[in-house]
Amino acid sequence: METLLPQFIKAFGWSILNSLWQSALIYGILFIVLLSIPKLAAKHKHNLAFGSILLMFGCFIYNLSDIMLKNLSISKTTNGIENIGAYQYLNNIPENLNTKIEQYFPVVVSFYIIGILLQLFVIVKGYNQLARFKKESLSLVPNGWNDIFQKVTANLKIHKSIKFHLSSIVNVPLVIGYLKPIVLFPVALVNELDNDQVEAILIHELSHIRRNDFLLNLIKTAIETFLFFNPFV
């Protein structure tokens, strides 16, 4: 444990630093592509942006694993040195820029852990709020609305089991969940919307389910949590 911890801190520190310039490069390429094709469809813009975030996260994980493995390999090599003169030489290598930078890594990693804990607190609080929306203050939708719901679901060719309820604690229509999604409408809208408006809103909300937007947002949130320090993410 005593050997692994310094190696992990070193690997994590370099991964954070490398993530900044690598993400800047990815962001720059994305910016140029979007600027060069101004009429690109919103769907393709979204896919390019989402792919860029995945690539940024992939670079971070690759850096962390690659540096960690190299450090462990060097550590094993050093531990196996039988030539005492060579060992003393390795321990007395003149300090360079890298070693000066690495002196600050324990502080950097400490702030990173604190940041992650704060991010997780916000996420858990938000998740509990969504869980509350799915279970509390629900009521049945009017029969006419349910018929429209079945029609739109069939037209969009969605085969998941989806619940549709009114809620007295939400202010706008929304979709919650991926495996067991639920569509919620505010109770206040019952007397304000005609059937055409209900259908239009349902098409919008159910399209989120068809595109798996909730799952994609979960992935994006996870990446933004791990790379919260990175402005390019």
C-alpha atoms as a PDB file:
ATOM      1  CA  MET A   1       0.000   0.000   0.000  1.00  0.00           C
ATOM      2  CA  GLU A   2       2.837   2.398   0.889  1.00  0.00           C
ATOM      3  CA  THR A   3       4.426   1.717  -2.496  1.00  0.00           C
ATOM      4  CA  LEU A   4       1.234   1.944  -4.546  1.00  0.00           C
ATOM      5  CA  LEU A   5      -0.093   5.194  -3.068  1.00  0.00           C
ATOM      6  CA  PRO A   6       2.787   7.458  -4.241  1.00  0.00           C
ATOM      7  CA  GLN A   7       2.693   5.785  -7.654  1.00  0.00           C
ATOM      8  CA  PHE A   8      -1.060   6.329  -7.882  1.00  0.00           C
ATOM      9  CA  ILE A   9      -0.740  10.000  -6.863  1.00  0.00           C
ATOM     10  CA  LYS A  10       1.989  10.502  -9.452  1.00  0.00           C
ATOM     11  CA  ALA A  11      -0.055   8.807 -12.189  1.00  0.00           C
ATOM     12  CA  PHE A  12      -3.180  10.742 -11.272  1.00  0.00           C
ATOM     13  CA  GLY A  13      -1.351  14.066 -11.209  1.00  0.00           C
ATOM     14  CA  TRP A  14       0.128  13.574 -14.666  1.00  0.00           C
ATOM     15  CA  SER A  15      -3.220  12.318 -15.980  1.00  0.00           C
ATOM     16  CA  ILE A  16      -4.910  15.521 -14.812  1.00  0.00           C
ATOM     17  CA  LEU A  17      -2.245  17.711 -16.459  1.00  0.00           C
ATOM     18  CA  ASN A  18      -2.229  15.700 -19.690  1.00  0.00           C
ATOM     19  CA  SER A  19      -6.022  15.740 -19.774  1.00  0.00           C
ATOM     20  CA  LEU A  20      -6.000  19.544 -20.019  1.00  0.00           C
ATOM     21  CA  TRP A  21      -3.872  19.868 -23.154  1.00  0.00           C
ATOM     22  CA  GLN A  22      -5.356  16.777 -24.797  1.00  0.00           C
ATOM     23  CA  SER A  23      -8.900  18.016 -24.201  1.00  0.00           C
ATOM     24  CA  ALA A  24      -7.908  21.457 -25.482  1.00  0.00           C
ATOM     25  CA  LEU A  25      -6.704  19.825 -28.699  1.00  0.00           C
ATOM     26  CA  ILE A  26      -9.918  17.794 -29.086  1.00  0.00           C
ATOM     27  CA  TYR A  27     -12.038  20.865 -28.326  1.00  0.00           C
ATOM     28  CA  GLY A  28     -10.090  22.912 -30.863  1.00  0.00           C
ATOM     29  CA  ILE A  29     -10.644  20.318 -33.600  1.00  0.00           C
ATOM     30  CA  LEU A  30     -14.361  20.137 -32.757  1.00  0.00           C
ATOM     31  CA  PHE A  31     -14.625  23.937 -32.822  1.00  0.00           C
ATOM     32  CA  ILE A  32     -12.981  24.112 -36.253  1.00  0.00           C
ATOM     33  CA  VAL A  33     -15.212  21.343 -37.648  1.00  0.00           C
ATOM     34  CA  LEU A  34     -18.406  23.008 -36.395  1.00  0.00           C
ATOM     35  CA  LEU A  35     -17.231  26.392 -37.621  1.00  0.00           C
ATOM     36  CA  SER A  36     -16.384  24.958 -41.051  1.00  0.00           C
ATOM     37  CA  ILE A  37     -19.813  23.325 -41.465  1.00  0.00           C
ATOM     38  CA  PRO A  38     -22.294  25.905 -40.121  1.00  0.00           C
ATOM     39  CA  LYS A  39     -25.316  24.141 -41.627  1.00  0.00           C
ATOM     40  CA  LEU A  40     -24.534  20.799 -40.012  1.00  0.00           C
ATOM     41  CA  ALA A  41     -27.683  19.190 -38.599  1.00  0.00           C
ATOM     42  CA  ALA A  42     -28.215  19.521 -34.841  1.00  0.00           C
ATOM     43  CA  LYS A  43     -28.190  15.728 -34.526  1.00  0.00           C
ATOM     44  CA  HIS A  44     -24.700  15.506 -36.024  1.00  0.00           C
ATOM     45  CA  LYS A  45     -23.466  18.416 -33.902  1.00  0.00           C
ATOM     46  CA  HIS A  46     -24.686  16.603 -30.813  1.00  0.00           C
ATOM     47  CA  ASN A  47     -23.048  13.341 -31.872  1.00  0.00           C
ATOM     48  CA  LEU A  48     -19.716  15.075 -32.568  1.00  0.00           C
ATOM     49  CA  ALA A  49     -19.806  16.869 -29.216  1.00  0.00           C
ATOM     50  CA  PHE A  50     -20.764  13.711 -27.315  1.00  0.00           C
ATOM     51  CA  GLY A  51     -18.061  11.734 -29.137  1.00  0.00           C
ATOM     52  CA  SER A  52     -15.529  14.419 -28.195  1.00  0.00           C
ATOM     53  CA  ILE A  53     -16.424  14.136 -24.510  1.00  0.00           C
ATOM     54  CA  LEU A  54     -16.049  10.349 -24.690  1.00  0.00           C
ATOM     55  CA  LEU A  55     -12.651  10.790 -26.346  1.00  0.00           C
ATOM     56  CA  MET A  56     -11.529  13.229 -23.640  1.00  0.00           C
ATOM     57  CA  PHE A  57     -12.525  10.748 -20.950  1.00  0.00           C
ATOM     58  CA  GLY A  58     -10.854   7.899 -22.850  1.00  0.00           C
ATOM     59  CA  CYS A  59      -7.601   9.890 -22.976  1.00  0.00           C
ATOM     60  CA  PHE A  60      -7.772  10.506 -19.227  1.00  0.00           C
ATOM     61  CA  ILE A  61      -8.304   6.808 -18.437  1.00  0.00           C
ATOM     62  CA  TYR A  62      -5.562   5.781 -20.901  1.00  0.00           C
ATOM     63  CA  ASN A  63      -3.116   8.253 -19.334  1.00  0.00           C
ATOM     64  CA  LEU A  64      -3.896   7.021 -15.838  1.00  0.00           C
ATOM     65  CA  SER A  65      -3.528   3.324 -16.646  1.00  0.00           C
ATOM     66  CA  ASP A  66      -0.479   3.787 -18.899  1.00  0.00           C
ATOM     67  CA  ILE A  67       1.460   5.940 -16.411  1.00  0.00           C
ATOM     68  CA  MET A  68       0.494   3.695 -13.512  1.00  0.00           C
ATOM     69  CA  LEU A  69       1.712   0.578 -15.307  1.00  0.00           C
ATOM     70  CA  LYS A  70       4.981   2.263 -16.294  1.00  0.00           C
ATOM     71  CA  ASN A  71       5.572   3.475 -12.735  1.00  0.00           C
ATOM     72  CA  LEU A  72       4.959   0.002 -11.341  1.00  0.00           C
ATOM     73  CA  SER A  73       7.304  -1.473 -13.930  1.00  0.00           C
ATOM     74  CA  ILE A  74      10.030   1.018 -13.021  1.00  0.00           C
ATOM     75  CA  SER A  75       9.428   0.353  -9.324  1.00  0.00           C
ATOM     76  CA  LYS A  76       9.853  -3.403  -9.797  1.00  0.00           C
ATOM     77  CA  THR A  77      13.014  -2.833 -11.822  1.00  0.00           C
ATOM     78  CA  THR A  78      14.432  -0.581  -9.117  1.00  0.00           C
ATOM     79  CA  ASN A  79      13.592  -3.089  -6.401  1.00  0.00           C
ATOM     80  CA  GLY A  80      15.395  -5.806  -8.317  1.00  0.00           C
ATOM     81  CA  ILE A  81      18.658  -3.896  -8.738  1.00  0.00           C
ATOM     82  CA  GLU A  82      21.493  -5.752  -7.072  1.00  0.00           C
ATOM     83  CA  ASN A  83      24.202  -3.267  -7.989  1.00  0.00           C
ATOM     84  CA  ILE A  84      24.273  -0.894  -5.022  1.00  0.00           C
ATOM     85  CA  GLY A  85      26.183   1.730  -6.964  1.00  0.00           C
ATOM     86  CA  ALA A  86      23.493   1.846  -9.630  1.00  0.00           C
ATOM     87  CA  TYR A  87      20.798   2.030  -6.971  1.00  0.00           C
ATOM     88  CA  GLN A  88      22.488   4.989  -5.283  1.00  0.00           C
ATOM     89  CA  TYR A  89      22.804   6.712  -8.645  1.00  0.00           C
ATOM     90  CA  LEU A  90      19.055   6.333  -9.288  1.00  0.00           C
ATOM     91  CA  ASN A  91      18.317   7.847  -5.909  1.00  0.00           C
ATOM     92  CA  ASN A  92      20.580  10.824  -6.525  1.00  0.00           C
ATOM     93  CA  ILE A  93      19.443  11.887  -9.998  1.00  0.00           C
ATOM     94  CA  PRO A  94      19.471  15.723 -10.148  1.00  0.00           C
ATOM     95  CA  GLU A  95      16.040  17.267  -9.642  1.00  0.00           C
ATOM     96  CA  ASN A  96      14.437  18.320 -12.938  1.00  0.00           C
ATOM     97  CA  LEU A  97      11.243  20.098 -13.917  1.00  0.00           C
ATOM     98  CA  ASN A  98       9.159  16.922 -13.767  1.00  0.00           C
ATOM     99  CA  THR A  99      10.135  16.131 -10.199  1.00  0.00           C
ATOM    100  CA  LYS A 100       9.437  19.740  -9.172  1.00  0.00           C
ATOM    101  CA  ILE A 101       5.958  19.473 -10.683  1.00  0.00           C
ATOM    102  CA  GLU A 102       5.347  16.124  -9.008  1.00  0.00           C
ATOM    103  CA  GLN A 103       5.965  17.696  -5.593  1.00  0.00           C
ATOM    104  CA  TYR A 104       2.581  19.424  -5.939  1.00  0.00           C
ATOM    105  CA  PHE A 105       0.676  16.303  -7.005  1.00  0.00           C
ATOM    106  CA  PRO A 106      -0.430  15.287  -3.459  1.00  0.00           C
ATOM    107  CA  VAL A 107      -2.115  18.707  -3.129  1.00  0.00           C
ATOM    108  CA  VAL A 108      -3.633  18.444  -6.621  1.00  0.00           C
ATOM    109  CA  VAL A 109      -5.010  14.960  -5.949  1.00  0.00           C
ATOM    110  CA  SER A 110      -6.358  16.050  -2.546  1.00  0.00           C
ATOM    111  CA  PHE A 111      -8.298  18.905  -4.157  1.00  0.00           C
ATOM    112  CA  TYR A 112      -9.490  16.498  -6.853  1.00  0.00           C
ATOM    113  CA  ILE A 113     -10.884  14.084  -4.251  1.00  0.00           C
ATOM    114  CA  ILE A 114     -12.630  16.938  -2.437  1.00  0.00           C
ATOM    115  CA  GLY A 115     -14.101  18.099  -5.757  1.00  0.00           C
ATOM    116  CA  ILE A 116     -15.326  14.588  -6.595  1.00  0.00           C
ATOM    117  CA  LEU A 117     -17.006  14.274  -3.183  1.00  0.00           C
ATOM    118  CA  LEU A 118     -18.809  17.602  -3.697  1.00  0.00           C
ATOM    119  CA  GLN A 119     -19.897  16.530  -7.183  1.00  0.00           C
ATOM    120  CA  LEU A 120     -21.194  13.205  -5.868  1.00  0.00           C
ATOM    121  CA  PHE A 121     -23.142  15.014  -3.147  1.00  0.00           C
ATOM    122  CA  VAL A 122     -24.917  17.143  -5.772  1.00  0.00           C
ATOM    123  CA  ILE A 123     -25.616  14.072  -7.958  1.00  0.00           C
ATOM    124  CA  VAL A 124     -27.023  12.010  -5.086  1.00  0.00           C
ATOM    125  CA  LYS A 125     -29.218  14.938  -4.046  1.00  0.00           C
ATOM    126  CA  GLY A 126     -30.507  15.262  -7.626  1.00  0.00           C
ATOM    127  CA  TYR A 127     -31.099  11.509  -7.915  1.00  0.00           C
ATOM    128  CA  ASN A 128     -33.106  11.498  -4.691  1.00  0.00           C
ATOM    129  CA  GLN A 129     -35.208  14.347  -6.060  1.00  0.00           C
ATOM    130  CA  LEU A 130     -35.906  12.394  -9.268  1.00  0.00           C
ATOM    131  CA  ALA A 131     -36.755   9.283  -7.237  1.00  0.00           C
ATOM    132  CA  ARG A 132     -39.226  11.402  -5.275  1.00  0.00           C
ATOM    133  CA  PHE A 133     -40.817  12.657  -8.504  1.00  0.00           C
ATOM    134  CA  LYS A 134     -41.320   9.051  -9.674  1.00  0.00           C
ATOM    135  CA  LYS A 135     -43.109   7.940  -6.514  1.00  0.00           C
ATOM    136  CA  GLU A 136     -44.844  10.860  -4.806  1.00  0.00           C
ATOM    137  CA  SER A 137     -47.929  12.956  -5.584  1.00  0.00           C
ATOM    138  CA  LEU A 138     -48.897  11.016  -8.724  1.00  0.00           C
ATOM    139  CA  SER A 139     -52.381  10.778 -10.209  1.00  0.00           C
ATOM    140  CA  LEU A 140     -53.989   9.259 -13.299  1.00  0.00           C
ATOM    141  CA  VAL A 141     -54.112  11.143 -16.573  1.00  0.00           C
ATOM    142  CA  PRO A 142     -57.455  11.773 -18.320  1.00  0.00           C
ATOM    143  CA  ASN A 143     -58.616   8.908 -20.541  1.00  0.00           C
ATOM    144  CA  GLY A 144     -58.313  11.056 -23.653  1.00  0.00           C
ATOM    145  CA  TRP A 145     -54.685  11.818 -22.850  1.00  0.00           C
ATOM    146  CA  ASN A 146     -53.938   8.149 -22.319  1.00  0.00           C
ATOM    147  CA  ASP A 147     -55.348   7.348 -25.759  1.00  0.00           C
ATOM    148  CA  ILE A 148     -53.080   9.992 -27.292  1.00  0.00           C
ATOM    149  CA  PHE A 149     -50.155   8.550 -25.341  1.00  0.00           C
ATOM    150  CA  GLN A 150     -50.762   5.056 -26.730  1.00  0.00           C
ATOM    151  CA  LYS A 151     -51.078   6.463 -30.255  1.00  0.00           C
ATOM    152  CA  VAL A 152     -47.831   8.471 -30.086  1.00  0.00           C
ATOM    153  CA  THR A 153     -45.931   5.544 -28.529  1.00  0.00           C
ATOM    154  CA  ALA A 154     -47.068   3.275 -31.363  1.00  0.00           C
ATOM    155  CA  ASN A 155     -46.210   5.861 -34.033  1.00  0.00           C
ATOM    156  CA  LEU A 156     -42.704   6.315 -32.621  1.00  0.00           C
ATOM    157  CA  LYS A 157     -42.302   2.519 -32.468  1.00  0.00           C
ATOM    158  CA  ILE A 158     -41.279   2.514 -28.825  1.00  0.00           C
ATOM    159  CA  HIS A 159     -41.552  -0.962 -27.309  1.00  0.00           C
ATOM    160  CA  LYS A 160     -40.533  -0.154 -23.738  1.00  0.00           C
ATOM    161  CA  SER A 161     -43.056  -0.221 -20.934  1.00  0.00           C
ATOM    162  CA  ILE A 162     -43.623   3.466 -20.163  1.00  0.00           C
ATOM    163  CA  LYS A 163     -45.768   4.959 -17.413  1.00  0.00           C
ATOM    164  CA  PHE A 164     -47.696   8.200 -17.895  1.00  0.00           C
ATOM    165  CA  HIS A 165     -48.924  10.161 -14.862  1.00  0.00           C
ATOM    166  CA  LEU A 166     -49.882  13.577 -13.615  1.00  0.00           C
ATOM    167  CA  SER A 167     -47.767  15.069 -10.839  1.00  0.00           C
ATOM    168  CA  SER A 168     -48.465  17.871  -8.410  1.00  0.00           C
ATOM    169  CA  ILE A 169     -44.781  18.469  -7.653  1.00  0.00           C
ATOM    170  CA  VAL A 170     -43.328  19.043 -11.140  1.00  0.00           C
ATOM    171  CA  ASN A 171     -43.608  22.333 -13.000  1.00  0.00           C
ATOM    172  CA  VAL A 172     -42.951  21.151 -16.570  1.00  0.00           C
ATOM    173  CA  PRO A 173     -43.493  17.924 -18.538  1.00  0.00           C
ATOM    174  CA  LEU A 174     -40.512  15.611 -18.202  1.00  0.00           C
ATOM    175  CA  VAL A 175     -39.208  12.070 -18.646  1.00  0.00           C
ATOM    176  CA  ILE A 176     -37.413  10.215 -15.854  1.00  0.00           C
ATOM    177  CA  GLY A 177     -35.604   6.889 -16.078  1.00  0.00           C
ATOM    178  CA  TYR A 178     -34.067   4.636 -18.701  1.00  0.00           C
ATOM    179  CA  LEU A 179     -34.985   1.024 -17.893  1.00  0.00           C
ATOM    180  CA  LYS A 180     -38.408   1.950 -16.485  1.00  0.00           C
ATOM    181  CA  PRO A 181     -39.160   5.413 -17.881  1.00  0.00           C
ATOM    182  CA  ILE A 182     -42.049   7.547 -16.705  1.00  0.00           C
ATOM    183  CA  VAL A 183     -43.570  10.613 -18.357  1.00  0.00           C
ATOM    184  CA  LEU A 184     -44.888  13.241 -15.942  1.00  0.00           C
ATOM    185  CA  PHE A 185     -47.196  16.160 -16.693  1.00  0.00           C
ATOM    186  CA  PRO A 186     -47.963  18.886 -14.132  1.00  0.00           C
ATOM    187  CA  VAL A 187     -51.503  18.650 -12.783  1.00  0.00           C
ATOM    188  CA  ALA A 188     -51.948  22.342 -13.573  1.00  0.00           C
ATOM    189  CA  LEU A 189     -51.844  21.589 -17.320  1.00  0.00           C
ATOM    190  CA  VAL A 190     -54.988  19.422 -17.288  1.00  0.00           C
ATOM    191  CA  ASN A 191     -57.343  22.340 -17.930  1.00  0.00           C
ATOM    192  CA  GLU A 192     -54.924  24.355 -20.075  1.00  0.00           C
ATOM    193  CA  LEU A 193     -54.001  21.987 -22.926  1.00  0.00           C
ATOM    194  CA  ASP A 194     -56.087  20.745 -25.815  1.00  0.00           C
ATOM    195  CA  ASN A 195     -55.482  17.338 -27.409  1.00  0.00           C
ATOM    196  CA  ASP A 196     -53.202  18.693 -30.139  1.00  0.00           C
ATOM    197  CA  GLN A 197     -50.957  20.368 -27.568  1.00  0.00           C
ATOM    198  CA  VAL A 198     -50.849  17.212 -25.464  1.00  0.00           C
ATOM    199  CA  GLU A 199     -49.841  15.206 -28.528  1.00  0.00           C
ATOM    200  CA  ALA A 200     -47.093  17.684 -29.451  1.00  0.00           C
ATOM    201  CA  ILE A 201     -45.628  17.570 -25.939  1.00  0.00           C
ATOM    202  CA  LEU A 202     -45.820  13.781 -25.831  1.00  0.00           C
ATOM    203  CA  ILE A 203     -44.016  13.505 -29.167  1.00  0.00           C
ATOM    204  CA  HIS A 204     -41.239  15.674 -27.735  1.00  0.00           C
ATOM    205  CA  GLU A 205     -40.957  13.782 -24.438  1.00  0.00           C
ATOM    206  CA  LEU A 206     -41.247  10.300 -25.933  1.00  0.00           C
ATOM    207  CA  SER A 207     -38.608  11.183 -28.530  1.00  0.00           C
ATOM    208  CA  HIS A 208     -36.190  11.531 -25.609  1.00  0.00           C
ATOM    209  CA  ILE A 209     -36.940   7.905 -24.737  1.00  0.00           C
ATOM    210  CA  ARG A 210     -36.549   6.711 -28.320  1.00  0.00           C
ATOM    211  CA  ARG A 211     -33.136   8.419 -28.563  1.00  0.00           C
ATOM    212  CA  ASN A 212     -32.040   7.078 -25.146  1.00  0.00           C
ATOM    213  CA  ASP A 213     -31.347  10.649 -24.029  1.00  0.00           C
ATOM    214  CA  PHE A 214     -31.661   9.790 -20.333  1.00  0.00           C
ATOM    215  CA  LEU A 215     -28.896   7.175 -20.622  1.00  0.00           C
ATOM    216  CA  LEU A 216     -26.693   9.524 -22.650  1.00  0.00           C
ATOM    217  CA  ASN A 217     -27.181  12.227 -20.032  1.00  0.00           C
ATOM    218  CA  LEU A 218     -26.160   9.786 -17.293  1.00  0.00           C
ATOM    219  CA  ILE A 219     -22.946   8.995 -19.182  1.00  0.00           C
ATOM    220  CA  LYS A 220     -22.289  12.681 -19.783  1.00  0.00           C
ATOM    221  CA  THR A 221     -22.908  13.488 -16.131  1.00  0.00           C
ATOM    222  CA  ALA A 222     -20.508  10.735 -15.033  1.00  0.00           C
ATOM    223  CA  ILE A 223     -17.768  12.068 -17.325  1.00  0.00           C
ATOM    224  CA  GLU A 224     -18.382  15.660 -16.213  1.00  0.00           C
ATOM    225  CA  THR A 225     -18.098  14.461 -12.615  1.00  0.00           C
ATOM    226  CA  PHE A 226     -14.752  12.691 -13.106  1.00  0.00           C
ATOM    227  CA  LEU A 227     -13.372  15.528 -15.241  1.00  0.00           C
ATOM    228  CA  PHE A 228     -14.978  18.425 -13.373  1.00  0.00           C
ATOM    229  CA  PHE A 229     -11.630  20.242 -13.316  1.00  0.00           C
ATOM    230  CA  ASN A 230     -11.437  20.342 -17.112  1.00  0.00           C
ATOM    231  CA  PRO A 231     -13.025  23.466 -18.678  1.00  0.00           C
ATOM    232  CA  PHE A 232     -13.006  21.899 -22.150  1.00  0.00           C
ATOM    233  CA  VAL A 233     -15.306  19.102 -20.969  1.00  0.00           C
END
